[in-house]
Amino acid sequence: MTDQSLSLAAKIYVVWAALAVVFAILVAGLNAETVTRLLTIAFLVLQIVARKRLAACGRFLSPRWRFVLLGTVLASVVEGFHMISKPVFDSVRINAQMPLSQALGFYAIDLLFTVPAYLVILTVIWRLITRYKLSLWEYIFLVALAQTLGDGGIFYFASAPFMLPFLPYPMTNYHAMNIIPYLAVREELAPTERSFRTPLTLIVHIIATYLVCGSLIKIAARPFGFE
């Protein structure tokens, strides 16, 4: 694709995402999922505004660890927003009546299981972006798409294909955790491979990583009674 076509695709996606988010929120109303989404989008906007400062974080680290650790920190914040709607286990969901100490304990339990998964996922993404050439737009769209599908979306949209127009709605979760880390290391990447199979290769690897990590979380949580 040419730079011009990529720019047009990016504009189309931004409009599509805005319409999908606004329509979904108007239909759902102000419920826990909507609050989570609004917090995530606000966090993403804040990151974009402060992108230069955030991208400069961790300059003393190698590019790999700067990408992985910054992404994990941002993912942990987004995970916190999901504690009121869809945490890693339903039994640790936070509500307004819950004492702060209990809420923090539940959040710590969530992170105990999700942070290792994020470290693995972001390491896999790092290996992919250091091998395959991607434009900024391709990275933003393809990686978030793969994460959305890998994190349960592939089953949800397969059973409800009529919901595909709302695909950008959950993709905002992953934009909020992976755009700034990429900007922080983009100039230091030197990928060499590119073919017509690159997008599919990227998506398949990330989906597979999510499925494996999800299965391992369930196995690790079972002895503790979490489902």
Protein backbone atom coordinates (compact mmCIF):
# COMPACT_ATOMS: atom_id res chain seq x y z
CA MET A 1 0.00 0.00 0.00
CA THR A 2 1.16 3.54 -0.71
CA ASP A 3 1.50 6.18 2.00
CA GLN A 4 -1.53 7.97 0.53
CA SER A 5 -3.74 4.86 0.68
CA LEU A 6 -2.55 4.14 4.22
CA SER A 7 -3.41 7.68 5.23
CA LEU A 8 -6.89 7.30 3.75
CA ALA A 9 -7.34 3.94 5.52
CA ALA A 10 -6.31 5.53 8.81
CA LYS A 11 -8.86 8.32 8.38
CA ILE A 12 -11.58 5.81 7.55
CA TYR A 13 -10.72 3.76 10.61
CA VAL A 14 -10.79 6.80 12.91
CA VAL A 15 -14.26 7.75 11.64
CA TRP A 16 -15.43 4.12 11.91
CA ALA A 17 -14.08 3.84 15.46
CA ALA A 18 -15.70 7.11 16.55
CA LEU A 19 -19.09 6.08 15.14
CA ALA A 20 -18.86 2.59 16.65
CA VAL A 21 -17.97 3.89 20.10
CA VAL A 22 -20.58 6.66 20.15
CA PHE A 23 -23.36 4.41 18.88
CA ALA A 24 -22.47 1.58 21.28
CA ILE A 25 -22.45 3.94 24.26
CA LEU A 26 -25.76 5.55 23.25
CA VAL A 27 -27.40 2.12 22.95
CA ALA A 28 -25.92 0.67 26.16
CA GLY A 29 -26.35 3.71 28.36
CA LEU A 30 -24.17 4.52 31.36
CA ASN A 31 -23.43 1.01 32.67
CA ALA A 32 -20.19 -0.46 34.03
CA GLU A 33 -18.94 -1.44 30.57
CA THR A 34 -19.61 2.06 29.24
CA VAL A 35 -17.74 3.66 32.16
CA THR A 36 -14.82 1.31 31.51
CA ARG A 37 -14.79 2.26 27.84
CA LEU A 38 -14.96 5.99 28.55
CA LEU A 39 -12.10 5.73 31.05
CA THR A 40 -10.03 3.75 28.54
CA ILE A 41 -10.65 6.25 25.76
CA ALA A 42 -9.86 9.17 28.07
CA PHE A 43 -6.62 7.40 29.05
CA LEU A 44 -5.78 6.89 25.36
CA VAL A 45 -6.42 10.56 24.57
CA LEU A 46 -4.25 11.58 27.52
CA GLN A 47 -1.46 9.35 26.20
CA ILE A 48 -1.70 10.90 22.73
CA VAL A 49 -1.52 14.41 24.19
CA ALA A 50 1.54 13.47 26.29
CA ARG A 51 3.00 11.07 23.73
CA LYS A 52 6.42 12.75 23.49
CA ARG A 53 7.01 12.64 27.24
CA LEU A 54 5.68 9.10 27.56
CA ALA A 55 7.68 7.87 24.59
CA ALA A 56 10.82 9.21 26.26
CA CYS A 57 10.23 7.12 29.37
CA GLY A 58 12.79 4.46 30.11
CA ARG A 59 15.51 5.74 27.79
CA PHE A 60 18.03 4.00 30.04
CA LEU A 61 16.46 0.64 29.10
CA SER A 62 17.10 -1.35 25.97
CA PRO A 63 14.43 -0.86 23.27
CA ARG A 64 13.03 -4.31 23.95
CA TRP A 65 12.50 -3.75 27.66
CA ARG A 66 11.30 -0.21 27.10
CA PHE A 67 8.58 -1.56 24.80
CA VAL A 68 7.62 -4.51 26.98
CA LEU A 69 7.66 -2.77 30.36
CA LEU A 70 5.94 0.43 29.21
CA GLY A 71 3.27 -1.66 27.50
CA THR A 72 2.78 -3.74 30.64
CA VAL A 73 2.38 -0.65 32.82
CA LEU A 74 -0.20 0.83 30.45
CA ALA A 75 -2.00 -2.51 30.19
CA SER A 76 -2.14 -2.69 33.98
CA VAL A 77 -3.85 0.70 34.11
CA VAL A 78 -6.39 -0.40 31.51
CA GLU A 79 -6.88 -3.61 33.49
CA GLY A 80 -7.79 -1.41 36.46
CA PHE A 81 -10.57 0.23 34.45
CA HIS A 82 -11.98 -3.22 33.72
CA MET A 83 -12.19 -4.15 37.39
CA ILE A 84 -15.73 -2.68 37.51
CA SER A 85 -16.95 -4.50 34.40
CA LYS A 86 -14.88 -7.48 33.26
CA PRO A 87 -11.83 -8.36 35.36
CA VAL A 88 -9.86 -11.52 34.72
CA PHE A 89 -12.24 -13.40 37.10
CA ASP A 90 -15.87 -12.46 37.80
CA SER A 91 -15.31 -13.10 41.51
CA VAL A 92 -12.89 -10.14 41.80
CA ARG A 93 -15.16 -7.57 40.19
CA ILE A 94 -15.21 -4.28 42.10
CA ASN A 95 -18.40 -2.40 43.01
CA ALA A 96 -19.15 0.98 44.59
CA GLN A 97 -20.09 -0.53 47.97
CA MET A 98 -16.80 -2.37 48.38
CA PRO A 99 -14.20 -1.14 50.92
CA LEU A 100 -11.09 0.37 49.33
CA SER A 101 -8.85 -2.28 50.90
CA GLN A 102 -10.88 -5.09 49.35
CA ALA A 103 -10.98 -3.35 45.97
CA LEU A 104 -7.20 -2.95 45.99
CA GLY A 105 -6.82 -6.59 47.00
CA PHE A 106 -8.99 -7.71 44.09
CA TYR A 107 -7.00 -5.50 41.71
CA ALA A 108 -3.77 -7.05 43.01
CA ILE A 109 -5.17 -10.54 42.38
CA ASP A 110 -6.11 -9.54 38.85
CA LEU A 111 -2.63 -8.19 38.16
CA LEU A 112 -1.01 -11.28 39.68
CA PHE A 113 -2.49 -13.34 36.86
CA THR A 114 -2.57 -10.81 34.01
CA VAL A 115 0.82 -9.09 34.26
CA PRO A 116 2.80 -12.27 33.43
CA ALA A 117 0.52 -12.75 30.42
CA TYR A 118 1.10 -9.17 29.27
CA LEU A 119 4.85 -9.65 29.56
CA VAL A 120 4.66 -12.70 27.30
CA ILE A 121 2.24 -11.08 24.84
CA LEU A 122 4.29 -7.91 24.50
CA THR A 123 7.48 -9.93 24.10
CA VAL A 124 5.88 -11.81 21.21
CA ILE A 125 4.70 -8.54 19.66
CA TRP A 126 8.22 -7.16 20.08
CA ARG A 127 9.71 -10.08 18.20
CA LEU A 128 7.19 -9.63 15.40
CA ILE A 129 7.77 -5.90 14.95
CA THR A 130 11.54 -6.34 14.96
CA ARG A 131 11.24 -8.91 12.18
CA TYR A 132 8.43 -7.64 9.95
CA LYS A 133 8.25 -4.19 8.38
CA LEU A 134 5.08 -2.30 9.31
CA SER A 135 3.93 1.25 8.82
CA LEU A 136 2.70 3.08 11.91
CA TRP A 137 -0.88 2.71 10.72
CA GLU A 138 -0.47 -1.02 10.05
CA TYR A 139 0.93 -1.51 13.52
CA ILE A 140 -1.89 0.45 15.17
CA PHE A 141 -4.63 -1.41 13.32
CA LEU A 142 -3.26 -4.94 12.92
CA VAL A 143 -1.86 -5.41 16.42
CA ALA A 144 -5.01 -4.11 18.13
CA LEU A 145 -7.16 -6.23 15.81
CA ALA A 146 -5.14 -9.35 16.64
CA GLN A 147 -5.27 -8.62 20.37
CA THR A 148 -9.03 -8.08 20.23
CA LEU A 149 -9.59 -11.36 18.42
CA GLY A 150 -7.14 -13.25 20.61
CA ASP A 151 -8.66 -11.96 23.83
CA GLY A 152 -11.98 -13.71 23.20
CA GLY A 153 -13.12 -11.62 20.25
CA ILE A 154 -12.63 -14.40 17.73
CA PHE A 155 -15.29 -16.49 19.48
CA TYR A 156 -17.61 -13.55 20.16
CA PHE A 157 -17.65 -12.23 16.60
CA ALA A 158 -17.86 -15.74 15.15
CA SER A 159 -21.07 -16.29 17.12
CA ALA A 160 -22.36 -12.76 16.50
CA PRO A 161 -21.03 -11.59 13.11
CA PHE A 162 -23.66 -8.84 12.99
CA MET A 163 -21.59 -7.10 15.70
CA LEU A 164 -18.53 -6.73 13.43
CA PRO A 165 -19.36 -3.06 12.68
CA PHE A 166 -18.54 -2.43 16.36
CA LEU A 167 -15.10 -4.06 16.14
CA PRO A 168 -13.20 -0.79 16.90
CA TYR A 169 -15.10 -0.54 20.20
CA PRO A 170 -13.03 -3.23 21.98
CA MET A 171 -9.92 -2.37 19.94
CA THR A 172 -9.57 0.85 21.96
CA ASN A 173 -8.44 -1.33 24.90
CA TYR A 174 -5.34 -2.35 23.02
CA HIS A 175 -4.63 1.02 21.44
CA ALA A 176 -4.37 2.29 25.02
CA MET A 177 -1.64 -0.22 25.82
CA ASN A 178 0.40 -0.58 22.64
CA ILE A 179 0.61 2.69 20.69
CA ILE A 180 2.91 4.65 23.02
CA PRO A 181 5.35 1.75 23.56
CA TYR A 182 5.70 1.46 19.78
CA LEU A 183 6.33 5.18 19.40
CA ALA A 184 8.96 4.89 22.14
CA VAL A 185 11.03 2.41 20.09
CA ARG A 186 9.94 2.93 16.51
CA GLU A 187 13.06 4.81 15.43
CA GLU A 188 15.27 2.06 16.80
CA LEU A 189 13.62 -0.81 14.94
CA ALA A 190 15.28 -2.36 11.90
CA PRO A 191 12.90 -5.04 10.59
CA THR A 192 13.90 -6.73 7.34
CA GLU A 193 11.03 -8.95 6.22
CA ARG A 194 7.92 -7.97 4.33
CA SER A 195 5.55 -9.98 2.12
CA PHE A 196 1.86 -10.27 1.35
CA ARG A 197 1.66 -12.78 4.24
CA THR A 198 2.98 -10.33 6.85
CA PRO A 199 -0.42 -9.09 8.15
CA LEU A 200 -1.79 -12.63 8.46
CA THR A 201 1.42 -13.89 10.12
CA LEU A 202 1.25 -11.08 12.66
CA ILE A 203 -2.42 -11.69 13.47
CA VAL A 204 -2.09 -15.48 13.77
CA HIS A 205 0.92 -15.29 16.11
CA ILE A 206 -0.74 -12.78 18.43
CA ILE A 207 -4.05 -14.66 18.54
CA ALA A 208 -2.23 -17.90 19.32
CA THR A 209 -0.28 -16.20 22.11
CA TYR A 210 -3.47 -14.88 23.69
CA LEU A 211 -5.15 -18.29 23.52
CA VAL A 212 -2.17 -19.99 25.16
CA CYS A 213 -1.87 -17.32 27.88
CA GLY A 214 -5.62 -17.46 28.55
CA SER A 215 -5.49 -21.22 28.96
CA LEU A 216 -2.50 -21.00 31.30
CA ILE A 217 -4.27 -18.38 33.44
CA LYS A 218 -7.25 -20.70 33.85
CA ILE A 219 -5.01 -23.61 34.78
CA ALA A 220 -3.00 -21.53 37.27
CA ALA A 221 -6.16 -20.06 38.85
CA ARG A 222 -8.02 -23.33 39.36
CA PRO A 223 -6.20 -24.39 42.56
CA PHE A 224 -7.16 -21.04 44.11
CA GLY A 225 -10.83 -21.42 43.26
CA PHE A 226 -10.94 -18.68 40.63
CA GLU A 227 -13.00 -19.24 37.51
